[in-house]
Amino acid sequence: VPFEAKPFSVGVRIEHPQGLVDRSQF
């Protein structure tokens, strides 16, 4: 069966306090 390699991504999970994100956005 034919396959093609395609781009994807790698990295990490980053965690912040939700309250910080709330204040930054709202």
mmCIF file of all heavy atoms, coordinates in Angstrom:
data_MODEL
# 
_entry.id   MODEL 
# 
loop_
_atom_site.group_PDB 
_atom_site.id 
_atom_site.type_symbol 
_atom_site.label_atom_id 
_atom_site.label_alt_id 
_atom_site.label_comp_id 
_atom_site.label_asym_id 
_atom_site.label_entity_id 
_atom_site.label_seq_id 
_atom_site.pdbx_PDB_ins_code 
_atom_site.Cartn_x 
_atom_site.Cartn_y 
_atom_site.Cartn_z 
_atom_site.occupancy 
_atom_site.B_iso_or_equiv 
_atom_site.pdbx_formal_charge 
_atom_site.auth_seq_id 
_atom_site.auth_comp_id 
_atom_site.auth_asym_id 
_atom_site.auth_atom_id 
_atom_site.pdbx_PDB_model_num 
ATOM 1   N N   . VAL A 1 1  ? 0.859   -1.187 0.000  1.00 0.00 ? 1  VAL A N   1 
ATOM 2   C CA  . VAL A 1 1  ? 0.000   0.000  0.000  1.00 0.00 ? 1  VAL A CA  1 
ATOM 3   C C   . VAL A 1 1  ? 0.899   1.242  0.000  1.00 0.00 ? 1  VAL A C   1 
ATOM 4   O O   . VAL A 1 1  ? 1.840   1.324  0.799  1.00 0.00 ? 1  VAL A O   1 
ATOM 5   C CB  . VAL A 1 1  ? -0.927  0.002  1.232  1.00 0.00 ? 1  VAL A CB  1 
ATOM 6   C CG1 . VAL A 1 1  ? -1.685  1.330  1.348  1.00 0.00 ? 1  VAL A CG1 1 
ATOM 7   C CG2 . VAL A 1 1  ? -1.916  -1.162 1.157  1.00 0.00 ? 1  VAL A CG2 1 
ATOM 8   N N   . PRO A 1 2  ? 0.636   2.208  -0.878 1.00 0.00 ? 2  PRO A N   1 
ATOM 9   C CA  . PRO A 1 2  ? 1.524   3.375  -0.955 1.00 0.00 ? 2  PRO A CA  1 
ATOM 10  C C   . PRO A 1 2  ? 1.355   4.316  0.239  1.00 0.00 ? 2  PRO A C   1 
ATOM 11  O O   . PRO A 1 2  ? 0.243   4.539  0.720  1.00 0.00 ? 2  PRO A O   1 
ATOM 12  C CB  . PRO A 1 2  ? 1.089   4.057  -2.248 1.00 0.00 ? 2  PRO A CB  1 
ATOM 13  C CG  . PRO A 1 2  ? -0.354  3.676  -2.406 1.00 0.00 ? 2  PRO A CG  1 
ATOM 14  C CD  . PRO A 1 2  ? -0.455  2.273  -1.861 1.00 0.00 ? 2  PRO A CD  1 
ATOM 15  N N   . PHE A 1 3  ? 2.461   4.874  0.687  1.00 0.00 ? 3  PHE A N   1 
ATOM 16  C CA  . PHE A 1 3  ? 2.469   5.872  1.752  1.00 0.00 ? 3  PHE A CA  1 
ATOM 17  C C   . PHE A 1 3  ? 3.348   7.036  1.336  1.00 0.00 ? 3  PHE A C   1 
ATOM 18  O O   . PHE A 1 3  ? 4.309   6.861  0.583  1.00 0.00 ? 3  PHE A O   1 
ATOM 19  C CB  . PHE A 1 3  ? 3.022   5.281  3.060  1.00 0.00 ? 3  PHE A CB  1 
ATOM 20  C CG  . PHE A 1 3  ? 2.041   4.454  3.841  1.00 0.00 ? 3  PHE A CG  1 
ATOM 21  C CD1 . PHE A 1 3  ? 1.784   3.137  3.490  1.00 0.00 ? 3  PHE A CD1 1 
ATOM 22  C CD2 . PHE A 1 3  ? 1.370   4.994  4.930  1.00 0.00 ? 3  PHE A CD2 1 
ATOM 23  C CE1 . PHE A 1 3  ? 0.888   2.371  4.210  1.00 0.00 ? 3  PHE A CE1 1 
ATOM 24  C CE2 . PHE A 1 3  ? 0.472   4.241  5.657  1.00 0.00 ? 3  PHE A CE2 1 
ATOM 25  C CZ  . PHE A 1 3  ? 0.227   2.925  5.300  1.00 0.00 ? 3  PHE A CZ  1 
ATOM 26  N N   . GLU A 1 4  ? 3.007   8.197  1.862  1.00 0.00 ? 4  GLU A N   1 
ATOM 27  C CA  . GLU A 1 4  ? 3.831   9.385  1.684  1.00 0.00 ? 4  GLU A CA  1 
ATOM 28  C C   . GLU A 1 4  ? 4.145   9.959  3.054  1.00 0.00 ? 4  GLU A C   1 
ATOM 29  O O   . GLU A 1 4  ? 3.259   10.041 3.916  1.00 0.00 ? 4  GLU A O   1 
ATOM 30  C CB  . GLU A 1 4  ? 3.091   10.454 0.869  1.00 0.00 ? 4  GLU A CB  1 
ATOM 31  C CG  . GLU A 1 4  ? 2.704   10.031 -0.534 1.00 0.00 ? 4  GLU A CG  1 
ATOM 32  C CD  . GLU A 1 4  ? 1.786   11.047 -1.210 1.00 0.00 ? 4  GLU A CD  1 
ATOM 33  O OE1 . GLU A 1 4  ? 1.312   11.968 -0.522 1.00 0.00 ? 4  GLU A OE1 1 
ATOM 34  O OE2 . GLU A 1 4  ? 1.555   10.885 -2.423 1.00 0.00 ? 4  GLU A OE2 1 
ATOM 35  N N   . ALA A 1 5  ? 5.401   10.352 3.267  1.00 0.00 ? 5  ALA A N   1 
ATOM 36  C CA  . ALA A 1 5  ? 5.737   11.071 4.494  1.00 0.00 ? 5  ALA A CA  1 
ATOM 37  C C   . ALA A 1 5  ? 5.182   12.481 4.407  1.00 0.00 ? 5  ALA A C   1 
ATOM 38  O O   . ALA A 1 5  ? 5.198   13.094 3.343  1.00 0.00 ? 5  ALA A O   1 
ATOM 39  C CB  . ALA A 1 5  ? 7.252   11.109 4.685  1.00 0.00 ? 5  ALA A CB  1 
ATOM 40  N N   . LYS A 1 6  ? 4.646   12.997 5.509  1.00 0.00 ? 6  LYS A N   1 
ATOM 41  C CA  . LYS A 1 6  ? 4.114   14.349 5.520  1.00 0.00 ? 6  LYS A CA  1 
ATOM 42  C C   . LYS A 1 6  ? 4.629   15.108 6.746  1.00 0.00 ? 6  LYS A C   1 
ATOM 43  O O   . LYS A 1 6  ? 5.050   14.495 7.741  1.00 0.00 ? 6  LYS A O   1 
ATOM 44  C CB  . LYS A 1 6  ? 2.578   14.353 5.510  1.00 0.00 ? 6  LYS A CB  1 
ATOM 45  C CG  . LYS A 1 6  ? 1.943   13.670 6.683  1.00 0.00 ? 6  LYS A CG  1 
ATOM 46  C CD  . LYS A 1 6  ? 0.417   13.733 6.630  1.00 0.00 ? 6  LYS A CD  1 
ATOM 47  C CE  . LYS A 1 6  ? -0.142  15.033 7.131  1.00 0.00 ? 6  LYS A CE  1 
ATOM 48  N NZ  . LYS A 1 6  ? 0.060   15.239 8.572  1.00 0.00 ? 6  LYS A NZ  1 
ATOM 49  N N   . PRO A 1 7  ? 4.611   16.425 6.682  1.00 0.00 ? 7  PRO A N   1 
ATOM 50  C CA  . PRO A 1 7  ? 5.056   17.207 7.844  1.00 0.00 ? 7  PRO A CA  1 
ATOM 51  C C   . PRO A 1 7  ? 4.122   17.012 9.042  1.00 0.00 ? 7  PRO A C   1 
ATOM 52  O O   . PRO A 1 7  ? 2.940   16.724 8.899  1.00 0.00 ? 7  PRO A O   1 
ATOM 53  C CB  . PRO A 1 7  ? 4.991   18.659 7.336  1.00 0.00 ? 7  PRO A CB  1 
ATOM 54  C CG  . PRO A 1 7  ? 4.936   18.562 5.847  1.00 0.00 ? 7  PRO A CG  1 
ATOM 55  C CD  . PRO A 1 7  ? 4.241   17.279 5.543  1.00 0.00 ? 7  PRO A CD  1 
ATOM 56  N N   . PHE A 1 8  ? 4.678   17.163 10.211 1.00 0.00 ? 8  PHE A N   1 
ATOM 57  C CA  . PHE A 1 8  ? 3.883   17.217 11.440 1.00 0.00 ? 8  PHE A CA  1 
ATOM 58  C C   . PHE A 1 8  ? 4.670   18.072 12.424 1.00 0.00 ? 8  PHE A C   1 
ATOM 59  O O   . PHE A 1 8  ? 5.484   18.899 12.001 1.00 0.00 ? 8  PHE A O   1 
ATOM 60  C CB  . PHE A 1 8  ? 3.568   15.807 11.978 1.00 0.00 ? 8  PHE A CB  1 
ATOM 61  C CG  . PHE A 1 8  ? 4.773   14.973 12.306 1.00 0.00 ? 8  PHE A CG  1 
ATOM 62  C CD1 . PHE A 1 8  ? 5.210   14.828 13.607 1.00 0.00 ? 8  PHE A CD1 1 
ATOM 63  C CD2 . PHE A 1 8  ? 5.463   14.306 11.295 1.00 0.00 ? 8  PHE A CD2 1 
ATOM 64  C CE1 . PHE A 1 8  ? 6.320   14.054 13.907 1.00 0.00 ? 8  PHE A CE1 1 
ATOM 65  C CE2 . PHE A 1 8  ? 6.576   13.526 11.591 1.00 0.00 ? 8  PHE A CE2 1 
ATOM 66  C CZ  . PHE A 1 8  ? 7.007   13.405 12.895 1.00 0.00 ? 8  PHE A CZ  1 
ATOM 67  N N   . SER A 1 9  ? 4.434   17.932 13.702 1.00 0.00 ? 9  SER A N   1 
ATOM 68  C CA  . SER A 1 9  ? 5.112   18.794 14.681 1.00 0.00 ? 9  SER A CA  1 
ATOM 69  C C   . SER A 1 9  ? 5.463   18.001 15.923 1.00 0.00 ? 9  SER A C   1 
ATOM 70  O O   . SER A 1 9  ? 4.814   16.999 16.245 1.00 0.00 ? 9  SER A O   1 
ATOM 71  C CB  . SER A 1 9  ? 4.218   19.978 15.070 1.00 0.00 ? 9  SER A CB  1 
ATOM 72  O OG  . SER A 1 9  ? 3.886   20.759 13.940 1.00 0.00 ? 9  SER A OG  1 
ATOM 73  N N   . VAL A 1 10 ? 6.486   18.474 16.629 1.00 0.00 ? 10 VAL A N   1 
ATOM 74  C CA  . VAL A 1 10 ? 6.846   17.900 17.925 1.00 0.00 ? 10 VAL A CA  1 
ATOM 75  C C   . VAL A 1 10 ? 7.153   19.040 18.879 1.00 0.00 ? 10 VAL A C   1 
ATOM 76  O O   . VAL A 1 10 ? 7.390   20.178 18.471 1.00 0.00 ? 10 VAL A O   1 
ATOM 77  C CB  . VAL A 1 10 ? 8.058   16.944 17.829 1.00 0.00 ? 10 VAL A CB  1 
ATOM 78  C CG1 . VAL A 1 10 ? 7.767   15.786 16.900 1.00 0.00 ? 10 VAL A CG1 1 
ATOM 79  C CG2 . VAL A 1 10 ? 9.306   17.696 17.373 1.00 0.00 ? 10 VAL A CG2 1 
ATOM 80  N N   . GLY A 1 11 ? 7.159   18.735 20.157 1.00 0.00 ? 11 GLY A N   1 
ATOM 81  C CA  . GLY A 1 11 ? 7.454   19.765 21.156 1.00 0.00 ? 11 GLY A CA  1 
ATOM 82  C C   . GLY A 1 11 ? 7.146   19.273 22.544 1.00 0.00 ? 11 GLY A C   1 
ATOM 83  O O   . GLY A 1 11 ? 7.461   18.120 22.901 1.00 0.00 ? 11 GLY A O   1 
ATOM 84  N N   . VAL A 1 12 ? 6.518   20.131 23.326 1.00 0.00 ? 12 VAL A N   1 
ATOM 85  C CA  . VAL A 1 12 ? 6.230   19.852 24.734 1.00 0.00 ? 12 VAL A CA  1 
ATOM 86  C C   . VAL A 1 12 ? 4.830   20.356 25.065 1.00 0.00 ? 12 VAL A C   1 
ATOM 87  O O   . VAL A 1 12 ? 4.210   21.075 24.275 1.00 0.00 ? 12 VAL A O   1 
ATOM 88  C CB  . VAL A 1 12 ? 7.249   20.548 25.663 1.00 0.00 ? 12 VAL A CB  1 
ATOM 89  C CG1 . VAL A 1 12 ? 8.643   19.989 25.451 1.00 0.00 ? 12 VAL A CG1 1 
ATOM 90  C CG2 . VAL A 1 12 ? 7.237   22.072 25.433 1.00 0.00 ? 12 VAL A CG2 1 
ATOM 91  N N   . ARG A 1 13 ? 4.340   19.989 26.232 1.00 0.00 ? 13 ARG A N   1 
ATOM 92  C CA  . ARG A 1 13 ? 3.165   20.634 26.823 1.00 0.00 ? 13 ARG A CA  1 
ATOM 93  C C   . ARG A 1 13 ? 3.660   21.746 27.732 1.00 0.00 ? 13 ARG A C   1 
ATOM 94  O O   . ARG A 1 13 ? 4.607   21.547 28.496 1.00 0.00 ? 13 ARG A O   1 
ATOM 95  C CB  . ARG A 1 13 ? 2.356   19.639 27.648 1.00 0.00 ? 13 ARG A CB  1 
ATOM 96  C CG  . ARG A 1 13 ? 1.396   18.792 26.844 1.00 0.00 ? 13 ARG A CG  1 
ATOM 97  C CD  . ARG A 1 13 ? 0.065   19.450 26.620 1.00 0.00 ? 13 ARG A CD  1 
ATOM 98  N NE  . ARG A 1 13 ? -0.400  19.182 25.269 1.00 0.00 ? 13 ARG A NE  1 
ATOM 99  C CZ  . ARG A 1 13 ? -1.508  19.688 24.740 1.00 0.00 ? 13 ARG A CZ  1 
ATOM 100 N NH1 . ARG A 1 13 ? -2.258  20.516 25.445 1.00 0.00 ? 13 ARG A NH1 1 
ATOM 101 N NH2 . ARG A 1 13 ? -1.848  19.421 23.515 1.00 0.00 ? 13 ARG A NH2 1 
ATOM 102 N N   . ILE A 1 14 ? 3.036   22.911 27.674 1.00 0.00 ? 14 ILE A N   1 
ATOM 103 C CA  . ILE A 1 14 ? 3.395   24.010 28.562 1.00 0.00 ? 14 ILE A CA  1 
ATOM 104 C C   . ILE A 1 14 ? 2.196   24.335 29.442 1.00 0.00 ? 14 ILE A C   1 
ATOM 105 O O   . ILE A 1 14 ? 1.058   24.434 28.959 1.00 0.00 ? 14 ILE A O   1 
ATOM 106 C CB  . ILE A 1 14 ? 3.865   25.256 27.780 1.00 0.00 ? 14 ILE A CB  1 
ATOM 107 C CG1 . ILE A 1 14 ? 4.344   26.339 28.736 1.00 0.00 ? 14 ILE A CG1 1 
ATOM 108 C CG2 . ILE A 1 14 ? 2.808   25.773 26.807 1.00 0.00 ? 14 ILE A CG2 1 
ATOM 109 C CD1 . ILE A 1 14 ? 5.158   27.447 28.075 1.00 0.00 ? 14 ILE A CD1 1 
ATOM 110 N N   . GLU A 1 15 ? 2.451   24.455 30.748 1.00 0.00 ? 15 GLU A N   1 
ATOM 111 C CA  . GLU A 1 15 ? 1.387   24.727 31.721 1.00 0.00 ? 15 GLU A CA  1 
ATOM 112 C C   . GLU A 1 15 ? 1.605   26.067 32.404 1.00 0.00 ? 15 GLU A C   1 
ATOM 113 O O   . GLU A 1 15 ? 2.718   26.387 32.843 1.00 0.00 ? 15 GLU A O   1 
ATOM 114 C CB  . GLU A 1 15 ? 1.350   23.640 32.798 1.00 0.00 ? 15 GLU A CB  1 
ATOM 115 C CG  . GLU A 1 15 ? 0.838   22.308 32.328 1.00 0.00 ? 15 GLU A CG  1 
ATOM 116 C CD  . GLU A 1 15 ? 0.632   21.344 33.480 1.00 0.00 ? 15 GLU A CD  1 
ATOM 117 O OE1 . GLU A 1 15 ? 1.586   20.600 33.808 1.00 0.00 ? 15 GLU A OE1 1 
ATOM 118 O OE2 . GLU A 1 15 ? -0.480  21.312 34.051 1.00 0.00 ? 15 GLU A OE2 1 
ATOM 119 N N   . HIS A 1 16 ? 0.523   26.845 32.484 1.00 0.00 ? 16 HIS A N   1 
ATOM 120 C CA  . HIS A 1 16 ? 0.470   28.101 33.244 1.00 0.00 ? 16 HIS A CA  1 
ATOM 121 C C   . HIS A 1 16 ? -0.728  28.034 34.193 1.00 0.00 ? 16 HIS A C   1 
ATOM 122 O O   . HIS A 1 16 ? -1.680  27.275 33.962 1.00 0.00 ? 16 HIS A O   1 
ATOM 123 C CB  . HIS A 1 16 ? 0.261   29.298 32.306 1.00 0.00 ? 16 HIS A CB  1 
ATOM 124 C CG  . HIS A 1 16 ? 1.363   29.539 31.336 1.00 0.00 ? 16 HIS A CG  1 
ATOM 125 N ND1 . HIS A 1 16 ? 1.428   28.895 30.107 1.00 0.00 ? 16 HIS A ND1 1 
ATOM 126 C CD2 . HIS A 1 16 ? 2.435   30.374 31.381 1.00 0.00 ? 16 HIS A CD2 1 
ATOM 127 C CE1 . HIS A 1 16 ? 2.502   29.324 29.456 1.00 0.00 ? 16 HIS A CE1 1 
ATOM 128 N NE2 . HIS A 1 16 ? 3.123   30.219 30.201 1.00 0.00 ? 16 HIS A NE2 1 
ATOM 129 N N   . PRO A 1 17 ? -0.748  28.866 35.221 1.00 0.00 ? 17 PRO A N   1 
ATOM 130 C CA  . PRO A 1 17 ? -1.968  28.980 36.025 1.00 0.00 ? 17 PRO A CA  1 
ATOM 131 C C   . PRO A 1 17 ? -3.118  29.493 35.156 1.00 0.00 ? 17 PRO A C   1 
ATOM 132 O O   . PRO A 1 17 ? -2.937  30.439 34.378 1.00 0.00 ? 17 PRO A O   1 
ATOM 133 C CB  . PRO A 1 17 ? -1.595  30.005 37.102 1.00 0.00 ? 17 PRO A CB  1 
ATOM 134 C CG  . PRO A 1 17 ? -0.098  30.002 37.142 1.00 0.00 ? 17 PRO A CG  1 
ATOM 135 C CD  . PRO A 1 17 ? 0.351   29.713 35.741 1.00 0.00 ? 17 PRO A CD  1 
ATOM 136 N N   . GLN A 1 18 ? -4.291  28.887 35.285 1.00 0.00 ? 18 GLN A N   1 
ATOM 137 C CA  . GLN A 1 18 ? -5.422  29.325 34.473 1.00 0.00 ? 18 GLN A CA  1 
ATOM 138 C C   . GLN A 1 18 ? -5.779  30.773 34.773 1.00 0.00 ? 18 GLN A C   1 
ATOM 139 O O   . GLN A 1 18 ? -6.163  31.527 33.875 1.00 0.00 ? 18 GLN A O   1 
ATOM 140 C CB  . GLN A 1 18 ? -6.634  28.418 34.717 1.00 0.00 ? 18 GLN A CB  1 
ATOM 141 C CG  . GLN A 1 18 ? -7.854  28.782 33.892 1.00 0.00 ? 18 GLN A CG  1 
ATOM 142 C CD  . GLN A 1 18 ? -7.596  28.696 32.392 1.00 0.00 ? 18 GLN A CD  1 
ATOM 143 O OE1 . GLN A 1 18 ? -7.137  27.678 31.895 1.00 0.00 ? 18 GLN A OE1 1 
ATOM 144 N NE2 . GLN A 1 18 ? -7.918  29.760 31.659 1.00 0.00 ? 18 GLN A NE2 1 
ATOM 145 N N   . GLY A 1 19 ? -5.637  31.189 36.029 1.00 0.00 ? 19 GLY A N   1 
ATOM 146 C CA  . GLY A 1 19 ? -5.946  32.576 36.380 1.00 0.00 ? 19 GLY A CA  1 
ATOM 147 C C   . GLY A 1 19 ? -5.082  33.568 35.627 1.00 0.00 ? 19 GLY A C   1 
ATOM 148 O O   . GLY A 1 19 ? -5.538  34.650 35.240 1.00 0.00 ? 19 GLY A O   1 
ATOM 149 N N   . LEU A 1 20 ? -3.811  33.211 35.406 1.00 0.00 ? 20 LEU A N   1 
ATOM 150 C CA  . LEU A 1 20 ? -2.920  34.083 34.645 1.00 0.00 ? 20 LEU A CA  1 
ATOM 151 C C   . LEU A 1 20 ? -3.423  34.241 33.210 1.00 0.00 ? 20 LEU A C   1 
ATOM 152 O O   . LEU A 1 20 ? -3.437  35.345 32.656 1.00 0.00 ? 20 LEU A O   1 
ATOM 153 C CB  . LEU A 1 20 ? -1.505  33.513 34.667 1.00 0.00 ? 20 LEU A CB  1 
ATOM 154 C CG  . LEU A 1 20 ? -0.402  34.276 33.926 1.00 0.00 ? 20 LEU A CG  1 
ATOM 155 C CD1 . LEU A 1 20 ? 0.948   34.052 34.597 1.00 0.00 ? 20 LEU A CD1 1 
ATOM 156 C CD2 . LEU A 1 20 ? -0.305  33.873 32.460 1.00 0.00 ? 20 LEU A CD2 1 
ATOM 157 N N   . VAL A 1 21 ? -3.828  33.132 32.597 1.00 0.00 ? 21 VAL A N   1 
ATOM 158 C CA  . VAL A 1 21 ? -4.338  33.182 31.226 1.00 0.00 ? 21 VAL A CA  1 
ATOM 159 C C   . VAL A 1 21 ? -5.639  33.985 31.174 1.00 0.00 ? 21 VAL A C   1 
ATOM 160 O O   . VAL A 1 21 ? -5.855  34.794 30.259 1.00 0.00 ? 21 VAL A O   1 
ATOM 161 C CB  . VAL A 1 21 ? -4.548  31.762 30.679 1.00 0.00 ? 21 VAL A CB  1 
ATOM 162 C CG1 . VAL A 1 21 ? -5.169  31.799 29.275 1.00 0.00 ? 21 VAL A CG1 1 
ATOM 163 C CG2 . VAL A 1 21 ? -3.228  30.999 30.652 1.00 0.00 ? 21 VAL A CG2 1 
ATOM 164 N N   . ASP A 1 22 ? -6.502  33.812 32.180 1.00 0.00 ? 22 ASP A N   1 
ATOM 165 C CA  . ASP A 1 22 ? -7.754  34.576 32.227 1.00 0.00 ? 22 ASP A CA  1 
ATOM 166 C C   . ASP A 1 22 ? -7.469  36.077 32.257 1.00 0.00 ? 22 ASP A C   1 
ATOM 167 O O   . ASP A 1 22 ? -8.091  36.854 31.520 1.00 0.00 ? 22 ASP A O   1 
ATOM 168 C CB  . ASP A 1 22 ? -8.572  34.190 33.465 1.00 0.00 ? 22 ASP A CB  1 
ATOM 169 C CG  . ASP A 1 22 ? -9.135  32.778 33.394 1.00 0.00 ? 22 ASP A CG  1 
ATOM 170 O OD1 . ASP A 1 22 ? -9.171  32.205 32.295 1.00 0.00 ? 22 ASP A OD1 1 
ATOM 171 O OD2 . ASP A 1 22 ? -9.523  32.254 34.456 1.00 0.00 ? 22 ASP A OD2 1 
ATOM 172 N N   . ARG A 1 23 ? -6.539  36.477 33.098 1.00 0.00 ? 23 ARG A N   1 
ATOM 173 C CA  . ARG A 1 23 ? -6.224  37.912 33.214 1.00 0.00 ? 23 ARG A CA  1 
ATOM 174 C C   . ARG A 1 23 ? -5.585  38.445 31.937 1.00 0.00 ? 23 ARG A C   1 
ATOM 175 O O   . ARG A 1 23 ? -5.856  39.578 31.522 1.00 0.00 ? 23 ARG A O   1 
ATOM 176 C CB  . ARG A 1 23 ? -5.312  38.149 34.416 1.00 0.00 ? 23 ARG A CB  1 
ATOM 177 C CG  . ARG A 1 23 ? -5.988  37.910 35.766 1.00 0.00 ? 23 ARG A CG  1 
ATOM 178 C CD  . ARG A 1 23 ? -5.115  38.352 36.929 1.00 0.00 ? 23 ARG A CD  1 
ATOM 179 N NE  . ARG A 1 23 ? -3.900  37.557 37.044 1.00 0.00 ? 23 ARG A NE  1 
ATOM 180 C CZ  . ARG A 1 23 ? -3.819  36.391 37.675 1.00 0.00 ? 23 ARG A CZ  1 
ATOM 181 N NH1 . ARG A 1 23 ? -4.895  35.867 38.249 1.00 0.00 ? 23 ARG A NH1 1 
ATOM 182 N NH2 . ARG A 1 23 ? -2.665  35.745 37.759 1.00 0.00 ? 23 ARG A NH2 1 
ATOM 183 N N   . SER A 1 24 ? -4.757  37.633 31.323 1.00 0.00 ? 24 SER A N   1 
ATOM 184 C CA  . SER A 1 24 ? -4.108  38.065 30.097 1.00 0.00 ? 24 SER A CA  1 
ATOM 185 C C   . SER A 1 24 ? -5.106  38.254 28.963 1.00 0.00 ? 24 SER A C   1 
ATOM 186 O O   . SER A 1 24 ? -5.008  39.206 28.187 1.00 0.00 ? 24 SER A O   1 
ATOM 187 C CB  . SER A 1 24 ? -3.054  37.036 29.680 1.00 0.00 ? 24 SER A CB  1 
ATOM 188 O OG  . SER A 1 24 ? -2.477  37.381 28.435 1.00 0.00 ? 24 SER A OG  1 
ATOM 189 N N   . GLN A 1 25 ? -6.086  37.381 28.882 1.00 0.00 ? 25 GLN A N   1 
ATOM 190 C CA  . GLN A 1 25 ? -7.047  37.426 27.778 1.00 0.00 ? 25 GLN A CA  1 
ATOM 191 C C   . GLN A 1 25 ? -8.241  38.326 28.054 1.00 0.00 ? 25 GLN A C   1 
ATOM 192 O O   . GLN A 1 25 ? -8.743  38.985 27.139 1.00 0.00 ? 25 GLN A O   1 
ATOM 193 C CB  . GLN A 1 25 ? -7.546  36.012 27.471 1.00 0.00 ? 25 GLN A CB  1 
ATOM 194 C CG  . GLN A 1 25 ? -6.473  35.038 27.005 1.00 0.00 ? 25 GLN A CG  1 
ATOM 195 C CD  . GLN A 1 25 ? -5.886  35.423 25.662 1.00 0.00 ? 25 GLN A CD  1 
ATOM 196 O OE1 . GLN A 1 25 ? -5.034  36.316 25.575 1.00 0.00 ? 25 GLN A OE1 1 
ATOM 197 N NE2 . GLN A 1 25 ? -6.345  34.774 24.611 1.00 0.00 ? 25 GLN A NE2 1 
ATOM 198 N N   . PHE A 1 26 ? -8.722  38.344 29.297 1.00 0.00 ? 26 PHE A N   1 
ATOM 199 C CA  . PHE A 1 26 ? -9.984  39.014 29.604 1.00 0.00 ? 26 PHE A CA  1 
ATOM 200 C C   . PHE A 1 26 ? -9.835  40.262 30.470 1.00 0.00 ? 26 PHE A C   1 
ATOM 201 O O   . PHE A 1 26 ? -10.825 40.955 30.714 1.00 0.00 ? 26 PHE A O   1 
ATOM 202 C CB  . PHE A 1 26 ? -10.932 38.044 30.311 1.00 0.00 ? 26 PHE A CB  1 
ATOM 203 C CG  . PHE A 1 26 ? -11.368 36.871 29.473 1.00 0.00 ? 26 PHE A CG  1 
ATOM 204 C CD1 . PHE A 1 26 ? -11.746 35.683 30.077 1.00 0.00 ? 26 PHE A CD1 1 
ATOM 205 C CD2 . PHE A 1 26 ? -11.407 36.949 28.088 1.00 0.00 ? 26 PHE A CD2 1 
ATOM 206 C CE1 . PHE A 1 26 ? -12.162 34.595 29.319 1.00 0.00 ? 26 PHE A CE1 1 
ATOM 207 C CE2 . PHE A 1 26 ? -11.815 35.869 27.319 1.00 0.00 ? 26 PHE A CE2 1 
ATOM 208 C CZ  . PHE A 1 26 ? -12.193 34.688 27.933 1.00 0.00 ? 26 PHE A CZ  1 
# 
